[in-house]
């Protein structure tokens, strides 16, 4: 009624691990072809992220530069925002990295436990401030809950390696590593026009839409 219109759409895909593993199987031929070319797919440990931080900083402009409101950062600012305090929240076993045959980082997919149960106001005295979240310290509080979820967020493939199956390898590796740990998955805030939005089409149990006006 005020005359505003949606300018940017974002989608969160909701799924369960059984459907996620079906996606992995569908992508297996592409993944096998990538591996045969000498690429490696591994868990993205926190130490590996920090070791490659200068390389990641060089990649992010090319990967994310076209995103709405993206602003380049100096290495010092990037290291401050995306260093240890940032990466400690991710699951280092399920987050996935893909390395090119020359050893360079071809792409990465960061995964977070769904920390909702311990950061919500209803958690009372057990509530953890979001700024204090740390996988090593807090994942054990989530592992015993009857509902175990993961948030798949922040995926990027170096443009040099796009079209090779790196995205397929990252996603398949992430789902397969997370199969024994998470039952519910959220592909978080995928912008309109991003090809990754089509990756799980037909294998989701729900969608949530967001808009910038």
C-alpha atoms as a PDB file:
ATOM      1  CA  UNK A   1       0.000   0.000   0.000  1.00  0.00           C
ATOM      2  CA  UNK A   2       3.026   2.297   0.351  1.00  0.00           C
ATOM      3  CA  UNK A   3       4.140   1.602  -3.204  1.00  0.00           C
ATOM      4  CA  UNK A   4       7.131  -0.609  -2.482  1.00  0.00           C
ATOM      5  CA  UNK A   5       7.926  -3.627  -4.650  1.00  0.00           C
ATOM      6  CA  UNK A   6      10.222  -6.615  -4.176  1.00  0.00           C
ATOM      7  CA  UNK A   7      13.600  -5.900  -5.793  1.00  0.00           C
ATOM      8  CA  UNK A   8      15.557  -9.007  -4.775  1.00  0.00           C
ATOM      9  CA  UNK A   9      14.223 -12.468  -4.011  1.00  0.00           C
ATOM     10  CA  UNK A  10      15.956 -15.015  -1.780  1.00  0.00           C
ATOM     11  CA  UNK A  11      15.002 -18.626  -1.162  1.00  0.00           C
ATOM     12  CA  UNK A  12      15.754 -21.051   1.649  1.00  0.00           C
ATOM     13  CA  UNK A  13      15.295 -24.698   0.697  1.00  0.00           C
ATOM     14  CA  UNK A  14      14.267 -27.147   3.409  1.00  0.00           C
ATOM     15  CA  UNK A  15      14.967 -30.868   3.161  1.00  0.00           C
ATOM     16  CA  UNK A  16      15.716 -34.095   4.986  1.00  0.00           C
ATOM     17  CA  UNK A  17      18.854 -36.188   4.755  1.00  0.00           C
ATOM     18  CA  UNK A  18      17.208 -38.980   2.750  1.00  0.00           C
ATOM     19  CA  UNK A  19      16.376 -36.545  -0.049  1.00  0.00           C
ATOM     20  CA  UNK A  20      19.804 -34.927   0.232  1.00  0.00           C
ATOM     21  CA  UNK A  21      21.488 -38.273  -0.324  1.00  0.00           C
ATOM     22  CA  UNK A  22      19.308 -38.821  -3.390  1.00  0.00           C
ATOM     23  CA  UNK A  23      20.698 -35.564  -4.781  1.00  0.00           C
ATOM     24  CA  UNK A  24      24.214 -36.821  -4.062  1.00  0.00           C
ATOM     25  CA  UNK A  25      23.575 -40.001  -6.007  1.00  0.00           C
ATOM     26  CA  UNK A  26      22.216 -38.077  -8.980  1.00  0.00           C
ATOM     27  CA  UNK A  27      25.391 -35.979  -9.052  1.00  0.00           C
ATOM     28  CA  UNK A  28      27.763 -38.917  -8.627  1.00  0.00           C
ATOM     29  CA  UNK A  29      28.771 -39.202 -12.331  1.00  0.00           C
ATOM     30  CA  UNK A  30      29.803 -35.527 -12.395  1.00  0.00           C
ATOM     31  CA  UNK A  31      31.686 -35.925  -9.115  1.00  0.00           C
ATOM     32  CA  UNK A  32      33.518 -39.025 -10.298  1.00  0.00           C
ATOM     33  CA  UNK A  33      34.560 -37.242 -13.502  1.00  0.00           C
ATOM     34  CA  UNK A  34      35.936 -34.322 -11.478  1.00  0.00           C
ATOM     35  CA  UNK A  35      37.910 -36.624  -9.204  1.00  0.00           C
ATOM     36  CA  UNK A  36      39.292 -38.477 -12.212  1.00  0.00           C
ATOM     37  CA  UNK A  37      40.684 -35.133 -13.419  1.00  0.00           C
ATOM     38  CA  UNK A  38      42.745 -34.803 -10.248  1.00  0.00           C
ATOM     39  CA  UNK A  39      40.481 -32.675  -8.051  1.00  0.00           C
ATOM     40  CA  UNK A  40      40.204 -33.507  -4.344  1.00  0.00           C
ATOM     41  CA  UNK A  41      37.184 -33.095  -2.066  1.00  0.00           C
ATOM     42  CA  UNK A  42      37.808 -32.966   1.685  1.00  0.00           C
ATOM     43  CA  UNK A  43      36.357 -31.691   4.934  1.00  0.00           C
ATOM     44  CA  UNK A  44      37.188 -28.029   5.455  1.00  0.00           C
ATOM     45  CA  UNK A  45      38.784 -27.939   8.897  1.00  0.00           C
ATOM     46  CA  UNK A  46      39.087 -24.639  10.725  1.00  0.00           C
ATOM     47  CA  UNK A  47      42.873 -24.751  10.511  1.00  0.00           C
ATOM     48  CA  UNK A  48      42.709 -25.207   6.731  1.00  0.00           C
ATOM     49  CA  UNK A  49      40.428 -22.166   6.392  1.00  0.00           C
ATOM     50  CA  UNK A  50      42.784 -19.998   8.440  1.00  0.00           C
ATOM     51  CA  UNK A  51      45.847 -21.261   6.585  1.00  0.00           C
ATOM     52  CA  UNK A  52      44.288 -20.334   3.240  1.00  0.00           C
ATOM     53  CA  UNK A  53      42.740 -17.059   4.347  1.00  0.00           C
ATOM     54  CA  UNK A  54      44.857 -14.926   1.958  1.00  0.00           C
ATOM     55  CA  UNK A  55      43.853 -17.195  -0.939  1.00  0.00           C
ATOM     56  CA  UNK A  56      40.186 -17.066   0.066  1.00  0.00           C
ATOM     57  CA  UNK A  57      40.359 -13.279   0.286  1.00  0.00           C
ATOM     58  CA  UNK A  58      41.568 -13.143  -3.311  1.00  0.00           C
ATOM     59  CA  UNK A  59      38.724 -15.443  -4.403  1.00  0.00           C
ATOM     60  CA  UNK A  60      35.773 -13.701  -2.775  1.00  0.00           C
ATOM     61  CA  UNK A  61      35.659 -10.684  -5.105  1.00  0.00           C
ATOM     62  CA  UNK A  62      35.398 -12.958  -8.134  1.00  0.00           C
ATOM     63  CA  UNK A  63      32.883 -15.282  -6.466  1.00  0.00           C
ATOM     64  CA  UNK A  64      30.621 -12.823  -4.665  1.00  0.00           C
ATOM     65  CA  UNK A  65      31.349  -9.487  -6.334  1.00  0.00           C
ATOM     66  CA  UNK A  66      28.063  -9.531  -8.262  1.00  0.00           C
ATOM     67  CA  UNK A  67      25.920  -9.932  -5.154  1.00  0.00           C
ATOM     68  CA  UNK A  68      23.635  -7.115  -4.060  1.00  0.00           C
ATOM     69  CA  UNK A  69      25.416  -4.566  -1.835  1.00  0.00           C
ATOM     70  CA  UNK A  70      28.718  -6.453  -1.971  1.00  0.00           C
ATOM     71  CA  UNK A  71      31.630  -4.332  -0.765  1.00  0.00           C
ATOM     72  CA  UNK A  72      35.279  -5.391  -1.185  1.00  0.00           C
ATOM     73  CA  UNK A  73      37.361  -5.563   1.979  1.00  0.00           C
ATOM     74  CA  UNK A  74      41.055  -5.070   2.551  1.00  0.00           C
ATOM     75  CA  UNK A  75      42.837  -8.204   3.675  1.00  0.00           C
ATOM     76  CA  UNK A  76      43.141  -6.801   7.182  1.00  0.00           C
ATOM     77  CA  UNK A  77      39.373  -6.181   7.403  1.00  0.00           C
ATOM     78  CA  UNK A  78      38.612  -9.567   5.862  1.00  0.00           C
ATOM     79  CA  UNK A  79      40.888 -11.357   8.313  1.00  0.00           C
ATOM     80  CA  UNK A  80      39.210  -9.533  11.187  1.00  0.00           C
ATOM     81  CA  UNK A  81      35.667 -10.408  10.056  1.00  0.00           C
ATOM     82  CA  UNK A  82      36.276 -13.872   8.596  1.00  0.00           C
ATOM     83  CA  UNK A  83      39.110 -15.221  10.694  1.00  0.00           C
ATOM     84  CA  UNK A  84      38.995 -17.439  13.764  1.00  0.00           C
ATOM     85  CA  UNK A  85      35.918 -15.841  15.315  1.00  0.00           C
ATOM     86  CA  UNK A  86      33.960 -16.470  12.123  1.00  0.00           C
ATOM     87  CA  UNK A  87      35.077 -19.956  11.128  1.00  0.00           C
ATOM     88  CA  UNK A  88      34.870 -21.475  14.623  1.00  0.00           C
ATOM     89  CA  UNK A  89      31.058 -21.602  14.269  1.00  0.00           C
ATOM     90  CA  UNK A  90      31.135 -23.915  11.265  1.00  0.00           C
ATOM     91  CA  UNK A  91      31.119 -27.703  11.352  1.00  0.00           C
ATOM     92  CA  UNK A  92      34.719 -28.579  10.376  1.00  0.00           C
ATOM     93  CA  UNK A  93      33.839 -32.169   9.504  1.00  0.00           C
ATOM     94  CA  UNK A  94      30.849 -31.507   7.248  1.00  0.00           C
ATOM     95  CA  UNK A  95      31.980 -28.201   5.698  1.00  0.00           C
ATOM     96  CA  UNK A  96      33.646 -29.152   2.434  1.00  0.00           C
ATOM     97  CA  UNK A  97      36.518 -27.884   0.293  1.00  0.00           C
ATOM     98  CA  UNK A  98      37.430 -28.793  -3.271  1.00  0.00           C
ATOM     99  CA  UNK A  99      41.058 -28.505  -4.364  1.00  0.00           C
ATOM    100  CA  UNK A 100      42.242 -28.251  -7.967  1.00  0.00           C
ATOM    101  CA  UNK A 101      44.975 -30.560  -9.304  1.00  0.00           C
ATOM    102  CA  UNK A 102      47.584 -27.851  -8.653  1.00  0.00           C
ATOM    103  CA  UNK A 103      46.569 -27.688  -4.984  1.00  0.00           C
ATOM    104  CA  UNK A 104      44.731 -24.364  -5.186  1.00  0.00           C
ATOM    105  CA  UNK A 105      41.306 -23.969  -3.632  1.00  0.00           C
ATOM    106  CA  UNK A 106      38.631 -24.442  -6.311  1.00  0.00           C
ATOM    107  CA  UNK A 107      35.607 -23.944  -4.069  1.00  0.00           C
ATOM    108  CA  UNK A 108      34.149 -24.365  -0.599  1.00  0.00           C
ATOM    109  CA  UNK A 109      30.826 -24.953   1.148  1.00  0.00           C
ATOM    110  CA  UNK A 110      30.436 -23.919   4.793  1.00  0.00           C
ATOM    111  CA  UNK A 111      27.956 -25.772   7.007  1.00  0.00           C
ATOM    112  CA  UNK A 112      26.694 -24.740  10.439  1.00  0.00           C
ATOM    113  CA  UNK A 113      24.746 -26.734  12.990  1.00  0.00           C
ATOM    114  CA  UNK A 114      21.270 -25.275  13.430  1.00  0.00           C
ATOM    115  CA  UNK A 115      22.099 -23.456  16.655  1.00  0.00           C
ATOM    116  CA  UNK A 116      18.482 -22.332  17.125  1.00  0.00           C
ATOM    117  CA  UNK A 117      17.729 -24.507  20.190  1.00  0.00           C
ATOM    118  CA  UNK A 118      20.540 -22.932  22.217  1.00  0.00           C
ATOM    119  CA  UNK A 119      20.304 -19.299  21.046  1.00  0.00           C
ATOM    120  CA  UNK A 120      16.520 -18.825  21.268  1.00  0.00           C
ATOM    121  CA  UNK A 121      15.143 -16.755  24.133  1.00  0.00           C
ATOM    122  CA  UNK A 122      13.203 -19.766  25.411  1.00  0.00           C
ATOM    123  CA  UNK A 123      16.472 -21.503  26.280  1.00  0.00           C
ATOM    124  CA  UNK A 124      16.504 -19.482  29.483  1.00  0.00           C
ATOM    125  CA  UNK A 125      19.635 -19.733  31.594  1.00  0.00           C
ATOM    126  CA  UNK A 126      21.139 -22.170  29.068  1.00  0.00           C
ATOM    127  CA  UNK A 127      20.923 -19.633  26.255  1.00  0.00           C
ATOM    128  CA  UNK A 128      24.185 -18.953  24.407  1.00  0.00           C
ATOM    129  CA  UNK A 129      24.757 -15.470  22.902  1.00  0.00           C
ATOM    130  CA  UNK A 130      25.137 -15.760  19.140  1.00  0.00           C
ATOM    131  CA  UNK A 131      28.484 -13.963  19.322  1.00  0.00           C
ATOM    132  CA  UNK A 132      29.824 -16.742  21.569  1.00  0.00           C
ATOM    133  CA  UNK A 133      28.905 -19.687  19.331  1.00  0.00           C
ATOM    134  CA  UNK A 134      31.712 -22.174  18.887  1.00  0.00           C
ATOM    135  CA  UNK A 135      31.292 -25.566  17.228  1.00  0.00           C
ATOM    136  CA  UNK A 136      33.754 -27.320  19.522  1.00  0.00           C
ATOM    137  CA  UNK A 137      32.050 -25.985  22.640  1.00  0.00           C
ATOM    138  CA  UNK A 138      28.400 -26.163  21.633  1.00  0.00           C
ATOM    139  CA  UNK A 139      27.852 -28.958  19.145  1.00  0.00           C
ATOM    140  CA  UNK A 140      27.660 -31.524  21.931  1.00  0.00           C
ATOM    141  CA  UNK A 141      24.664 -29.645  23.366  1.00  0.00           C
ATOM    142  CA  UNK A 142      22.846 -30.166  20.070  1.00  0.00           C
ATOM    143  CA  UNK A 143      23.888 -33.747  19.346  1.00  0.00           C
ATOM    144  CA  UNK A 144      21.597 -35.211  21.999  1.00  0.00           C
ATOM    145  CA  UNK A 145      18.468 -33.383  20.853  1.00  0.00           C
ATOM    146  CA  UNK A 146      15.731 -35.318  19.022  1.00  0.00           C
ATOM    147  CA  UNK A 147      15.811 -32.732  16.212  1.00  0.00           C
ATOM    148  CA  UNK A 148      19.183 -32.230  14.500  1.00  0.00           C
ATOM    149  CA  UNK A 149      19.486 -29.680  11.739  1.00  0.00           C
ATOM    150  CA  UNK A 150      22.216 -28.131   9.593  1.00  0.00           C
ATOM    151  CA  UNK A 151      22.372 -24.831   7.753  1.00  0.00           C
ATOM    152  CA  UNK A 152      24.257 -24.984   4.457  1.00  0.00           C
ATOM    153  CA  UNK A 153      25.372 -21.427   3.768  1.00  0.00           C
ATOM    154  CA  UNK A 154      28.193 -19.673   1.973  1.00  0.00           C
ATOM    155  CA  UNK A 155      29.158 -21.702  -1.063  1.00  0.00           C
ATOM    156  CA  UNK A 156      31.558 -20.429  -3.680  1.00  0.00           C
ATOM    157  CA  UNK A 157      33.348 -21.797  -6.723  1.00  0.00           C
ATOM    158  CA  UNK A 158      36.287 -19.995  -8.297  1.00  0.00           C
ATOM    159  CA  UNK A 159      35.056 -18.812 -11.730  1.00  0.00           C
ATOM    160  CA  UNK A 160      38.132 -20.460 -13.278  1.00  0.00           C
ATOM    161  CA  UNK A 161      36.706 -23.856 -12.300  1.00  0.00           C
ATOM    162  CA  UNK A 162      33.008 -23.331 -12.923  1.00  0.00           C
ATOM    163  CA  UNK A 163      31.276 -25.767 -15.237  1.00  0.00           C
ATOM    164  CA  UNK A 164      33.536 -28.622 -14.130  1.00  0.00           C
ATOM    165  CA  UNK A 165      31.260 -30.167 -11.479  1.00  0.00           C
ATOM    166  CA  UNK A 166      32.849 -28.500  -8.443  1.00  0.00           C
ATOM    167  CA  UNK A 167      29.469 -27.425  -7.064  1.00  0.00           C
ATOM    168  CA  UNK A 168      28.162 -30.975  -7.438  1.00  0.00           C
ATOM    169  CA  UNK A 169      31.214 -32.353  -5.631  1.00  0.00           C
ATOM    170  CA  UNK A 170      30.943 -29.856  -2.783  1.00  0.00           C
ATOM    171  CA  UNK A 171      27.266 -30.520  -2.214  1.00  0.00           C
ATOM    172  CA  UNK A 172      27.490 -34.290  -2.515  1.00  0.00           C
ATOM    173  CA  UNK A 173      30.460 -34.361  -0.152  1.00  0.00           C
ATOM    174  CA  UNK A 174      28.676 -32.145   2.350  1.00  0.00           C
ATOM    175  CA  UNK A 175      25.537 -34.303   2.399  1.00  0.00           C
ATOM    176  CA  UNK A 176      27.467 -37.558   2.634  1.00  0.00           C
ATOM    177  CA  UNK A 177      29.642 -36.313   5.501  1.00  0.00           C
ATOM    178  CA  UNK A 178      26.616 -34.999   7.339  1.00  0.00           C
ATOM    179  CA  UNK A 179      24.451 -38.092   6.944  1.00  0.00           C
ATOM    180  CA  UNK A 180      25.184 -39.468  10.400  1.00  0.00           C
ATOM    181  CA  UNK A 181      25.057 -36.093  12.137  1.00  0.00           C
ATOM    182  CA  UNK A 182      22.087 -34.138  10.734  1.00  0.00           C
ATOM    183  CA  UNK A 183      18.560 -35.130   9.774  1.00  0.00           C
ATOM    184  CA  UNK A 184      17.226 -31.786   8.502  1.00  0.00           C
ATOM    185  CA  UNK A 185      18.938 -29.425   6.071  1.00  0.00           C
ATOM    186  CA  UNK A 186      18.469 -25.776   5.153  1.00  0.00           C
ATOM    187  CA  UNK A 187      19.965 -24.333   1.979  1.00  0.00           C
ATOM    188  CA  UNK A 188      19.974 -20.799   3.304  1.00  0.00           C
ATOM    189  CA  UNK A 189      19.203 -17.553   1.493  1.00  0.00           C
ATOM    190  CA  UNK A 190      19.924 -18.448  -2.127  1.00  0.00           C
ATOM    191  CA  UNK A 191      19.535 -15.352  -4.266  1.00  0.00           C
ATOM    192  CA  UNK A 192      17.384 -15.275  -7.355  1.00  0.00           C
ATOM    193  CA  UNK A 193      19.371 -16.171 -10.456  1.00  0.00           C
ATOM    194  CA  UNK A 194      21.956 -18.248  -8.597  1.00  0.00           C
ATOM    195  CA  UNK A 195      22.257 -21.615 -10.422  1.00  0.00           C
ATOM    196  CA  UNK A 196      22.661 -23.392  -7.075  1.00  0.00           C
ATOM    197  CA  UNK A 197      18.954 -22.768  -6.525  1.00  0.00           C
ATOM    198  CA  UNK A 198      18.240 -25.545  -9.040  1.00  0.00           C
ATOM    199  CA  UNK A 199      20.507 -28.084  -7.411  1.00  0.00           C
ATOM    200  CA  UNK A 200      17.928 -29.665  -5.096  1.00  0.00           C
ATOM    201  CA  UNK A 201      14.835 -29.046  -7.229  1.00  0.00           C
ATOM    202  CA  UNK A 202      12.348 -31.839  -6.682  1.00  0.00           C
ATOM    203  CA  UNK A 203      14.106 -33.094  -3.559  1.00  0.00           C
ATOM    204  CA  UNK A 204      13.007 -30.551  -0.962  1.00  0.00           C
ATOM    205  CA  UNK A 205      10.220 -30.754   1.596  1.00  0.00           C
ATOM    206  CA  UNK A 206       9.588 -27.014   1.703  1.00  0.00           C
ATOM    207  CA  UNK A 207      10.719 -23.533   0.709  1.00  0.00           C
ATOM    208  CA  UNK A 208      10.856 -20.190   2.463  1.00  0.00           C
ATOM    209  CA  UNK A 209      10.925 -16.972   0.460  1.00  0.00           C
ATOM    210  CA  UNK A 210      12.390 -13.618   1.459  1.00  0.00           C
ATOM    211  CA  UNK A 211      12.463 -10.285  -0.306  1.00  0.00           C
ATOM    212  CA  UNK A 212      14.262  -6.964  -0.237  1.00  0.00           C
ATOM    213  CA  UNK A 213      11.896  -4.109  -1.042  1.00  0.00           C
END
